[in-house]
N, C-alpha and C. Protein backbone atom coordinates (compact mmCIF):
# COMPACT_ATOMS: atom_id res chain seq x y z
N MET A 1 72.95 103.34 131.09
CA MET A 1 74.04 104.05 130.95
C MET A 1 74.58 104.09 131.99
N SER A 2 76.44 103.68 132.24
CA SER A 2 77.10 104.56 132.79
C SER A 2 77.76 105.17 133.40
N SER A 3 77.64 106.28 134.42
CA SER A 3 77.78 107.42 134.52
C SER A 3 79.12 108.10 133.97
N ARG A 4 80.28 106.75 134.08
CA ARG A 4 81.71 107.56 134.28
C ARG A 4 82.13 107.00 132.04
N ARG A 5 83.03 107.71 131.91
CA ARG A 5 83.44 108.15 130.73
C ARG A 5 84.78 107.45 130.39
N GLU A 6 84.54 106.54 129.87
CA GLU A 6 85.90 105.59 129.63
C GLU A 6 85.63 105.27 127.35
N ILE A 7 86.88 105.10 127.05
CA ILE A 7 86.84 105.19 125.71
C ILE A 7 87.86 103.64 125.27
N TYR A 8 87.26 102.67 124.92
CA TYR A 8 88.20 101.38 124.70
C TYR A 8 88.66 101.93 123.21
N LEU A 9 89.58 102.39 122.58
CA LEU A 9 89.55 102.43 121.13
C LEU A 9 90.66 101.44 120.12
N VAL A 10 90.52 101.27 119.03
CA VAL A 10 91.59 100.02 118.57
C VAL A 10 91.20 100.63 117.14
N ARG A 11 92.00 99.82 116.39
CA ARG A 11 92.65 100.24 114.79
C ARG A 11 91.97 98.87 114.44
N HIS A 12 91.82 99.08 113.33
CA HIS A 12 91.29 97.89 112.79
C HIS A 12 92.58 97.00 112.27
N GLY A 13 91.92 95.92 112.02
CA GLY A 13 93.22 94.44 111.59
C GLY A 13 94.00 95.21 110.23
N GLU A 14 94.76 94.06 110.19
CA GLU A 14 96.21 95.04 108.99
C GLU A 14 94.95 94.43 107.86
N THR A 15 95.28 95.03 106.85
CA THR A 15 94.67 95.08 105.64
C THR A 15 95.54 94.49 104.61
N ALA A 16 95.48 94.36 103.18
CA ALA A 16 95.86 93.85 102.44
C ALA A 16 96.35 95.10 102.38
N TRP A 17 96.04 95.89 101.45
CA TRP A 17 96.84 97.73 101.56
C TRP A 17 97.32 98.05 102.46
N ASN A 18 97.57 97.94 103.84
CA ASN A 18 98.43 98.03 104.59
C ASN A 18 99.44 96.90 104.78
N ALA A 19 99.57 96.32 104.23
CA ALA A 19 100.91 94.92 103.82
C ALA A 19 101.82 95.55 102.59
N ALA A 20 100.67 96.42 101.86
CA ALA A 20 101.61 96.72 100.75
C ALA A 20 102.16 97.96 101.04
N GLY A 21 101.67 98.48 101.61
CA GLY A 21 102.28 100.06 101.53
C GLY A 21 101.46 101.18 100.94
N ARG A 22 100.15 101.01 100.99
CA ARG A 22 99.09 101.68 100.33
C ARG A 22 98.12 102.73 100.99
N PHE A 23 98.43 104.00 101.07
CA PHE A 23 97.18 104.44 101.94
C PHE A 23 95.86 104.64 101.71
N GLN A 24 94.73 104.20 102.61
CA GLN A 24 93.55 103.32 102.15
C GLN A 24 93.06 104.67 101.97
N GLY A 25 92.66 105.92 103.10
CA GLY A 25 91.89 107.47 103.69
C GLY A 25 90.80 106.03 103.45
N SER A 26 89.95 106.91 102.54
CA SER A 26 88.22 107.06 102.35
C SER A 26 87.66 105.56 101.54
N LEU A 27 89.01 104.62 101.10
CA LEU A 27 89.40 103.50 100.12
C LEU A 27 89.14 102.38 101.04
N ASP A 28 88.97 101.04 100.17
CA ASP A 28 88.66 99.68 101.28
C ASP A 28 89.46 98.75 100.70
N SER A 29 90.38 97.66 101.43
CA SER A 29 90.52 96.69 101.43
C SER A 29 90.23 95.43 102.00
N CYS A 30 90.56 94.58 101.66
CA CYS A 30 89.83 93.60 103.33
C CYS A 30 91.27 92.99 103.97
N LEU A 31 90.34 92.53 104.61
CA LEU A 31 91.32 92.07 106.27
C LEU A 31 92.20 91.02 106.12
N THR A 32 93.94 91.28 105.63
CA THR A 32 94.49 89.73 106.08
C THR A 32 94.60 88.78 106.66
N GLU A 33 95.24 87.37 106.20
CA GLU A 33 94.73 86.69 107.86
C GLU A 33 95.04 87.09 109.43
N ARG A 34 96.52 87.61 109.22
CA ARG A 34 96.83 88.27 110.17
C ARG A 34 96.17 89.37 110.85
N GLY A 35 95.61 90.42 109.60
CA GLY A 35 94.19 91.29 110.53
C GLY A 35 93.06 90.47 110.91
N VAL A 36 92.79 88.84 110.65
CA VAL A 36 91.64 88.49 110.83
C VAL A 36 91.97 88.28 112.29
N ALA A 37 93.56 87.60 112.46
CA ALA A 37 94.04 87.23 113.52
C ALA A 37 94.11 88.13 114.99
N GLN A 38 94.15 89.71 114.46
CA GLN A 38 94.40 90.63 115.03
C GLN A 38 92.81 91.04 115.91
N ALA A 39 92.00 91.13 114.95
CA ALA A 39 90.40 91.24 115.37
C ALA A 39 90.05 90.70 116.14
N GLU A 40 90.16 89.35 115.69
CA GLU A 40 90.34 87.89 116.77
C GLU A 40 90.65 88.09 118.04
N ALA A 41 91.85 88.66 118.33
CA ALA A 41 92.33 88.78 120.05
C ALA A 41 91.98 90.02 120.46
N TYR A 42 91.78 91.26 120.18
CA TYR A 42 90.76 92.04 120.00
C TYR A 42 89.90 91.84 120.74
N GLY A 43 89.07 90.63 120.29
CA GLY A 43 87.20 90.12 120.46
C GLY A 43 88.01 89.60 121.64
N ARG A 44 88.83 88.96 121.66
CA ARG A 44 89.19 88.39 123.06
C ARG A 44 89.11 88.64 124.75
N GLN A 45 90.22 90.00 123.85
CA GLN A 45 90.24 90.53 125.13
C GLN A 45 89.14 91.64 125.86
N LEU A 46 88.54 91.61 124.77
CA LEU A 46 87.88 92.59 125.34
C LEU A 46 86.44 92.43 125.53
N ALA A 47 86.25 90.62 125.06
CA ALA A 47 84.84 89.94 125.92
C ALA A 47 84.66 89.92 127.56
N THR A 48 86.10 89.58 128.16
CA THR A 48 86.33 90.06 128.94
C THR A 48 85.64 91.56 130.20
N ILE A 49 85.32 92.60 129.20
CA ILE A 49 84.92 93.78 129.77
C ILE A 49 83.16 93.98 128.73
N SER A 50 82.89 92.83 128.12
CA SER A 50 82.27 93.16 127.13
C SER A 50 80.90 93.78 127.84
N ALA A 51 80.44 93.35 129.17
CA ALA A 51 79.03 93.75 129.91
C ALA A 51 79.06 95.15 130.09
N GLU A 52 80.04 95.58 130.38
CA GLU A 52 80.63 96.81 130.96
C GLU A 52 80.20 97.64 129.93
N ILE A 53 80.28 97.45 128.71
CA ILE A 53 80.73 98.42 127.56
C ILE A 53 78.79 98.88 127.44
N ASP A 54 78.91 99.89 127.36
CA ASP A 54 77.66 100.05 127.10
C ASP A 54 77.44 100.76 125.48
N THR A 55 78.69 101.56 124.65
CA THR A 55 77.78 101.62 123.07
C THR A 55 79.69 101.37 121.82
N VAL A 56 78.94 100.61 121.32
CA VAL A 56 80.11 100.41 120.42
C VAL A 56 79.77 101.81 118.92
N ILE A 57 80.81 102.30 118.81
CA ILE A 57 80.78 103.03 117.78
C ILE A 57 81.88 102.57 116.68
N ALA A 58 81.73 103.04 115.53
CA ALA A 58 82.70 102.62 115.01
C ALA A 58 82.52 103.35 113.55
N SER A 59 83.37 103.31 112.53
CA SER A 59 83.74 104.02 111.19
C SER A 59 82.98 102.69 110.60
N PRO A 60 82.29 103.48 109.25
CA PRO A 60 81.54 102.79 108.71
C PRO A 60 82.22 102.21 107.03
N LEU A 61 83.86 102.17 107.13
CA LEU A 61 83.93 101.75 106.08
C LEU A 61 84.18 100.09 106.35
N GLY A 62 84.57 99.54 105.20
CA GLY A 62 84.55 98.17 105.51
C GLY A 62 85.17 97.59 106.11
N ARG A 63 87.04 97.87 106.12
CA ARG A 63 87.92 97.34 107.03
C ARG A 63 87.60 97.28 108.57
N VAL A 64 86.60 98.40 108.97
CA VAL A 64 86.49 98.60 110.41
C VAL A 64 85.26 97.57 110.41
N ARG A 65 84.18 97.80 109.57
CA ARG A 65 82.45 96.84 110.05
C ARG A 65 83.37 95.32 110.10
N GLU A 66 84.09 94.73 109.38
CA GLU A 66 84.95 93.47 109.47
C GLU A 66 85.48 93.09 110.82
N THR A 67 85.92 94.35 111.15
CA THR A 67 86.90 93.87 112.16
C THR A 67 85.81 94.16 113.28
N THR A 68 85.35 94.96 113.28
CA THR A 68 83.77 95.23 114.69
C THR A 68 82.91 93.93 114.54
N ALA A 69 82.60 93.20 113.38
CA ALA A 69 81.78 91.87 112.80
C ALA A 69 83.00 91.01 114.18
N LEU A 70 83.94 91.07 113.94
CA LEU A 70 84.62 90.11 114.55
C LEU A 70 85.30 89.70 116.05
N ILE A 71 85.39 91.20 116.01
CA ILE A 71 85.41 92.11 117.77
C ILE A 71 83.77 90.98 118.73
N ARG A 72 82.65 91.50 118.02
CA ARG A 72 81.59 91.18 118.38
C ARG A 72 81.05 89.78 118.51
N SER A 73 81.35 88.61 117.91
CA SER A 73 81.70 87.59 117.75
C SER A 73 81.95 86.65 119.06
N PHE A 74 83.37 87.40 119.63
CA PHE A 74 83.73 87.13 121.05
C PHE A 74 82.72 86.94 122.44
N GLY A 75 81.80 88.39 122.26
CA GLY A 75 81.25 88.89 123.49
C GLY A 75 79.83 89.18 123.46
N ASP A 76 79.18 89.98 124.16
CA ASP A 76 77.61 89.90 124.36
C ASP A 76 77.79 91.66 123.95
N PHE A 77 78.62 92.38 122.99
CA PHE A 77 78.60 93.59 123.02
C PHE A 77 77.53 94.18 122.31
N PRO A 78 76.97 95.52 122.55
CA PRO A 78 75.97 96.50 122.03
C PRO A 78 76.51 96.62 120.21
N GLU A 79 74.97 96.63 119.70
CA GLU A 79 74.74 96.18 118.08
C GLU A 79 75.70 97.85 118.29
N PRO A 80 76.97 97.96 116.97
CA PRO A 80 77.34 99.06 116.41
C PRO A 80 76.64 100.14 116.18
N GLN A 81 77.25 101.62 116.19
CA GLN A 81 76.67 102.81 115.77
C GLN A 81 77.73 103.14 114.53
N TRP A 82 77.47 103.21 113.19
CA TRP A 82 78.34 103.40 112.16
C TRP A 82 78.56 104.91 112.13
N ASP A 83 79.85 105.11 113.00
CA ASP A 83 79.99 107.02 112.75
C ASP A 83 80.67 107.25 111.84
N ARG A 84 80.59 108.63 110.94
CA ARG A 84 81.48 108.80 109.70
C ARG A 84 82.55 109.97 110.00
N ARG A 85 82.12 110.13 111.81
CA ARG A 85 83.04 111.18 112.23
C ARG A 85 84.45 110.71 112.51
N ILE A 86 84.39 109.34 112.55
CA ILE A 86 85.89 108.64 112.83
C ILE A 86 86.01 107.66 111.80
N ALA A 87 85.27 108.24 111.09
CA ALA A 87 86.53 107.04 109.75
C ALA A 87 87.61 107.94 109.31
N GLU A 88 88.31 107.19 108.47
CA GLU A 88 90.06 107.40 107.89
C GLU A 88 89.85 108.91 107.30
N VAL A 89 90.48 109.98 107.69
CA VAL A 89 91.17 111.12 106.95
C VAL A 89 91.34 110.48 105.57
N SER A 90 91.05 111.34 104.32
CA SER A 90 90.88 111.24 102.97
C SER A 90 92.07 111.92 102.44
N VAL A 91 92.73 111.22 102.11
CA VAL A 91 93.91 111.98 101.31
C VAL A 91 93.56 112.08 99.45
N GLY A 92 92.04 112.16 99.54
CA GLY A 92 91.70 112.75 98.04
C GLY A 92 92.07 111.70 97.12
N SER A 93 92.47 112.80 95.52
CA SER A 93 93.26 111.89 95.24
C SER A 93 94.71 110.59 95.14
N TRP A 94 94.94 110.52 96.66
CA TRP A 94 95.85 109.71 97.21
C TRP A 94 95.64 108.87 97.60
N ASP A 95 94.26 108.29 97.53
CA ASP A 95 93.67 107.23 98.64
C ASP A 95 94.13 106.46 97.60
N GLY A 96 94.48 104.84 98.05
CA GLY A 96 94.97 103.70 97.86
C GLY A 96 96.13 103.87 96.71
N LEU A 97 97.08 104.83 96.37
CA LEU A 97 97.85 104.99 96.33
C LEU A 97 99.52 104.83 97.39
N THR A 98 100.61 104.84 96.63
CA THR A 98 101.83 104.34 97.95
C THR A 98 102.63 106.21 97.31
N HIS A 99 103.59 106.13 98.76
CA HIS A 99 104.46 106.85 98.66
C HIS A 99 104.91 107.67 97.47
N VAL A 100 105.50 106.02 96.68
CA VAL A 100 106.58 105.81 95.11
C VAL A 100 105.04 106.44 94.30
N ASP A 101 104.15 105.95 94.05
CA ASP A 101 102.92 106.49 93.49
C ASP A 101 102.88 107.96 93.36
N ILE A 102 102.73 108.52 94.74
CA ILE A 102 102.64 110.37 94.78
C ILE A 102 103.59 110.51 94.28
N ASP A 103 105.09 110.29 94.39
CA ASP A 103 105.78 111.03 93.96
C ASP A 103 105.84 110.81 92.48
N ALA A 104 105.53 110.43 91.93
CA ALA A 104 106.22 109.75 90.65
C ALA A 104 104.78 110.53 89.84
N GLN A 105 103.04 111.18 90.76
CA GLN A 105 102.09 111.75 89.91
C GLN A 105 102.27 113.43 90.27
N TRP A 106 102.72 113.17 91.74
CA TRP A 106 102.66 114.55 91.96
C TRP A 106 104.29 115.18 92.37
N PRO A 107 105.30 115.33 91.60
CA PRO A 107 106.64 115.45 91.98
C PRO A 107 106.85 116.14 92.20
N GLY A 108 107.57 116.30 93.78
CA GLY A 108 108.25 116.98 95.02
C GLY A 108 107.21 117.40 95.75
N LEU A 109 105.72 117.45 95.56
CA LEU A 109 105.12 117.74 96.52
C LEU A 109 105.44 116.92 98.15
N LEU A 110 106.22 116.07 97.87
CA LEU A 110 105.88 114.89 99.59
C LEU A 110 107.31 115.59 100.30
N ASN A 111 108.34 116.62 99.03
CA ASN A 111 109.34 117.33 99.29
C ASN A 111 108.67 117.97 100.80
N GLY A 112 110.15 117.58 101.82
CA GLY A 112 110.23 118.12 102.87
C GLY A 112 109.22 117.85 103.98
N THR A 113 108.17 116.73 104.18
CA THR A 113 107.16 116.06 105.51
C THR A 113 108.14 115.00 106.02
N THR A 114 107.30 114.84 106.86
CA THR A 114 108.13 113.74 107.39
C THR A 114 106.99 112.20 107.17
N PRO A 115 107.58 111.76 107.97
CA PRO A 115 105.85 110.45 107.79
C PRO A 115 104.59 110.63 108.52
N PHE A 116 104.79 111.64 109.70
CA PHE A 116 103.53 111.82 109.97
C PHE A 116 102.35 112.72 109.69
N ASP A 117 103.56 114.23 108.54
CA ASP A 117 102.77 115.00 108.01
C ASP A 117 102.39 114.74 107.02
N TRP A 118 102.77 113.65 105.64
CA TRP A 118 102.89 113.95 104.45
C TRP A 118 101.02 114.12 104.01
N PHE A 119 100.88 113.33 104.93
CA PHE A 119 99.06 112.84 104.54
C PHE A 119 97.90 114.44 104.14
N PHE A 120 98.39 115.30 104.85
CA PHE A 120 97.75 116.37 104.89
C PHE A 120 98.84 117.41 103.86
N ARG A 121 98.95 116.96 102.75
CA ARG A 121 100.09 117.55 101.45
C ARG A 121 99.04 117.28 100.55
N SER A 122 98.38 117.25 100.48
CA SER A 122 97.57 115.88 98.85
C SER A 122 96.31 117.43 98.69
N PRO A 123 96.56 117.51 97.51
CA PRO A 123 95.55 118.55 96.83
C PRO A 123 94.13 119.25 97.29
N ASP A 124 93.81 117.76 97.19
CA ASP A 124 92.25 117.57 97.38
C ASP A 124 92.10 116.34 98.62
N GLY A 125 92.59 116.30 99.73
CA GLY A 125 92.45 115.99 100.62
C GLY A 125 91.80 116.81 101.65
N GLU A 126 91.42 115.78 102.45
CA GLU A 126 91.11 116.47 104.55
C GLU A 126 91.84 117.43 104.70
N THR A 127 91.96 118.66 105.56
CA THR A 127 93.27 119.50 106.38
C THR A 127 93.02 118.61 107.62
N TYR A 128 94.43 118.78 108.32
CA TYR A 128 94.48 118.65 109.46
C TYR A 128 93.09 118.99 110.19
N ASP A 129 92.86 120.68 110.23
CA ASP A 129 91.55 121.23 111.26
C ASP A 129 90.33 120.61 110.75
N ALA A 130 90.21 120.50 109.40
CA ALA A 130 88.52 119.34 109.70
C ALA A 130 88.84 118.13 110.06
N ALA A 131 89.86 117.40 109.72
CA ALA A 131 89.62 116.52 110.49
C ALA A 131 89.37 115.96 111.99
N MET A 132 90.41 117.50 113.12
CA MET A 132 90.80 116.98 113.73
C MET A 132 89.29 117.91 114.37
N ALA A 133 88.36 118.75 113.76
CA ALA A 133 87.02 119.39 114.43
C ALA A 133 86.04 118.35 114.29
N ARG A 134 86.28 117.58 113.55
CA ARG A 134 85.00 116.30 113.82
C ARG A 134 85.55 114.99 114.43
N VAL A 135 86.90 114.62 115.18
CA VAL A 135 86.98 114.60 116.17
C VAL A 135 87.07 114.86 117.44
N THR A 136 87.10 115.90 117.50
CA THR A 136 86.39 116.91 119.03
C THR A 136 85.27 116.17 119.08
N GLU A 137 84.52 117.15 117.94
CA GLU A 137 82.88 116.79 118.04
C GLU A 137 82.41 115.57 118.60
N TRP A 138 82.73 114.63 118.10
CA TRP A 138 82.78 112.76 118.04
C TRP A 138 82.92 112.84 119.42
N LEU A 139 84.14 113.56 120.06
CA LEU A 139 84.62 113.59 121.56
C LEU A 139 83.93 113.87 122.74
N ASP A 140 83.01 115.11 121.90
CA ASP A 140 82.41 116.04 122.62
C ASP A 140 81.25 115.50 123.43
N THR A 141 80.66 114.07 122.29
CA THR A 141 79.28 113.70 122.22
C THR A 141 79.73 112.31 123.07
N VAL A 142 81.08 111.61 123.25
CA VAL A 142 80.86 110.26 123.95
C VAL A 142 80.66 110.05 125.24
N SER A 143 79.33 109.48 125.90
CA SER A 143 79.72 109.61 127.03
C SER A 143 78.94 107.77 127.65
N GLY A 144 79.88 107.75 129.01
CA GLY A 144 79.40 106.00 129.30
C GLY A 144 81.02 105.10 128.76
N VAL A 145 80.54 104.00 128.87
CA VAL A 145 81.73 102.87 128.47
C VAL A 145 81.81 102.79 127.15
N VAL A 146 82.88 102.82 125.91
CA VAL A 146 82.29 103.03 124.34
C VAL A 146 83.70 101.95 124.18
N LEU A 147 83.20 101.12 123.15
CA LEU A 147 83.67 100.49 122.24
C LEU A 147 84.23 101.30 121.07
N ALA A 148 85.39 101.89 120.57
CA ALA A 148 85.68 102.42 119.29
C ALA A 148 86.27 102.09 118.12
N VAL A 149 85.54 101.40 117.54
CA VAL A 149 86.92 100.66 116.18
C VAL A 149 87.21 102.09 114.65
N SER A 150 88.02 101.83 115.01
CA SER A 150 88.42 102.74 114.30
C SER A 150 89.54 102.91 112.61
N HIS A 151 90.45 103.89 112.92
CA HIS A 151 91.55 103.98 111.74
C HIS A 151 92.95 104.34 112.88
N GLY A 152 93.59 104.13 111.75
CA GLY A 152 95.08 104.38 112.29
C GLY A 152 95.51 106.20 112.38
N LEU A 153 95.69 106.56 111.46
CA LEU A 153 95.45 108.20 111.14
C LEU A 153 94.53 108.89 112.16
N ILE A 154 93.38 108.59 112.40
CA ILE A 154 92.03 109.16 112.76
C ILE A 154 92.52 109.15 114.70
N GLY A 155 92.81 107.25 114.67
CA GLY A 155 93.07 107.20 115.90
C GLY A 155 94.21 108.15 116.66
N ARG A 156 94.74 108.56 115.84
CA ARG A 156 96.13 109.64 116.47
C ARG A 156 94.94 110.50 116.66
N LEU A 157 94.62 111.25 116.01
CA LEU A 157 93.81 112.47 116.21
C LEU A 157 93.10 112.45 117.37
N ILE A 158 92.60 111.13 117.27
CA ILE A 158 91.74 110.83 118.56
C ILE A 158 91.59 111.28 119.91
N ARG A 159 93.47 110.44 119.70
CA ARG A 159 94.80 110.40 121.44
C ARG A 159 94.91 112.16 121.14
N GLY A 160 94.96 112.12 120.12
CA GLY A 160 96.12 113.67 120.25
C GLY A 160 94.99 114.91 121.20
N ALA A 161 93.81 114.88 120.50
CA ALA A 161 92.07 115.73 121.04
C ALA A 161 92.01 115.32 122.49
N TYR A 162 92.41 114.52 122.46
CA TYR A 162 91.79 113.98 124.04
C TYR A 162 92.66 114.31 125.16
N LEU A 163 94.25 114.02 124.80
CA LEU A 163 95.15 114.62 125.35
C LEU A 163 95.40 116.33 125.15
N ASP A 164 94.55 116.92 124.23
CA ASP A 164 95.18 118.26 124.21
C ASP A 164 96.57 118.73 123.48
N LEU A 165 96.95 117.48 122.36
CA LEU A 165 98.48 117.62 122.51
C LEU A 165 98.42 118.57 120.77
N THR A 166 99.64 118.91 120.82
CA THR A 166 100.06 120.02 119.38
C THR A 166 99.63 119.56 118.27
N LYS A 167 99.98 119.22 117.52
CA LYS A 167 99.29 118.99 115.82
C LYS A 167 100.77 117.69 115.87
N ASP A 168 101.91 118.40 116.18
CA ASP A 168 103.23 117.20 115.87
C ASP A 168 103.28 116.06 116.55
N ASP A 169 102.99 116.60 117.97
CA ASP A 169 102.45 115.82 118.99
C ASP A 169 101.68 114.15 118.59
N ALA A 170 100.91 114.75 117.91
CA ALA A 170 99.39 113.89 117.93
C ALA A 170 99.92 113.31 116.89
N LEU A 171 100.70 113.03 115.87
CA LEU A 171 100.64 113.08 114.31
C LEU A 171 101.39 111.80 114.30
N CYS A 172 102.85 112.04 115.33
CA CYS A 172 103.69 110.89 115.29
C CYS A 172 103.18 110.07 116.76
N LEU A 173 101.87 109.76 117.01
CA LEU A 173 101.27 108.56 118.12
C LEU A 173 102.15 107.42 117.14
N PRO A 174 102.10 106.26 118.32
CA PRO A 174 102.10 105.15 117.65
C PRO A 174 100.33 104.67 116.95
N VAL A 175 100.49 103.62 116.07
CA VAL A 175 99.35 103.60 115.18
C VAL A 175 99.34 101.19 115.50
N PRO A 176 99.70 100.48 116.59
CA PRO A 176 100.11 99.49 115.87
C PRO A 176 98.58 99.01 115.78
N GLN A 177 98.55 97.82 115.83
CA GLN A 177 97.01 96.75 115.64
C GLN A 177 97.02 95.80 116.40
N ASP A 178 97.84 95.91 117.71
CA ASP A 178 97.54 94.71 118.65
C ASP A 178 97.70 96.15 119.39
N VAL A 179 97.08 96.86 119.61
CA VAL A 179 97.21 97.32 121.24
C VAL A 179 95.33 98.23 121.19
N ILE A 180 95.06 97.88 122.27
CA ILE A 180 93.80 98.67 122.63
C ILE A 180 93.94 100.03 123.64
N TRP A 181 93.54 100.97 123.27
CA TRP A 181 94.12 102.23 123.66
C TRP A 181 92.70 102.70 124.88
N ARG A 182 93.66 102.74 126.25
CA ARG A 182 92.00 102.73 126.59
C ARG A 182 92.03 104.26 127.14
N LEU A 183 90.94 105.36 127.01
CA LEU A 183 91.37 106.72 127.20
C LEU A 183 90.11 106.80 128.48
N ALA A 184 90.69 107.62 129.72
CA ALA A 184 89.69 107.17 130.85
C ALA A 184 90.83 108.12 131.91
N ASP A 185 90.17 108.87 132.12
CA ASP A 185 90.55 109.76 133.48
C ASP A 185 91.64 110.66 132.93
N ALA A 186 91.46 111.04 131.74
CA ALA A 186 92.41 111.98 131.22
C ALA A 186 93.34 112.05 130.98
N ARG A 187 93.88 110.44 131.21
CA ARG A 187 95.02 109.18 130.73
C ARG A 187 94.95 108.71 129.67
N ILE A 188 96.01 107.80 128.85
CA ILE A 188 95.26 107.01 127.69
C ILE A 188 96.48 105.81 128.45
N GLU A 189 95.95 104.83 128.45
CA GLU A 189 96.90 103.23 128.56
C GLU A 189 96.80 102.40 127.41
N PRO A 190 97.76 101.46 126.94
CA PRO A 190 98.13 100.70 125.92
C PRO A 190 97.85 99.23 126.86
N ILE A 191 96.81 98.69 125.75
CA ILE A 191 95.86 97.39 126.31
C ILE A 191 96.58 96.68 125.52
N HIS A 192 98.31 95.60 125.45
CA HIS A 192 98.74 95.21 124.51
C HIS A 192 98.58 93.70 124.83
N VAL A 193 97.55 93.56 123.70
CA VAL A 193 96.87 91.91 122.83
C VAL A 193 97.96 91.44 122.22
N THR A 194 97.41 89.94 122.63
CA THR A 194 98.43 88.77 122.24
C THR A 194 97.65 87.97 121.60
């Protein structure tokens, strides 16, 4: 295993629920054609460094399993380790719903939220502190050169914890599905994938 610590962090490809504006949380929907193309683009890009990657760590949720399999089809990557610590934040009974659904069933509960903090208003979802604790624990155990395949919101928290950002700064980080984030030497560099 490499003595350096370097993480290549990717978000799963677009899913049917991403395209429909549904928050998936701990539920799943399959990759769209665009999502498959995004995962394949990750794979082509990451194949150029696959020999350097010591470990593949991925969320056990279906959309990430599908993305990981597509990435690995492009190179000689290690077998993935499925780790719940980098699974998406669950918003409890809001998983699978849209903002319209939530506002209809819980009137006013989203009042005063931003596009970045509403996730943590769910009455039975995971809290920011709990999600950040599992991400921080995961980061503390990572060594070598790691490919991490994860999600949008939890990817924000991983990058926020890595840079020791405030909650507000972490939650507003971008979550594109065509960027590989390279975390190394206390910096984060985007690698744009086409």
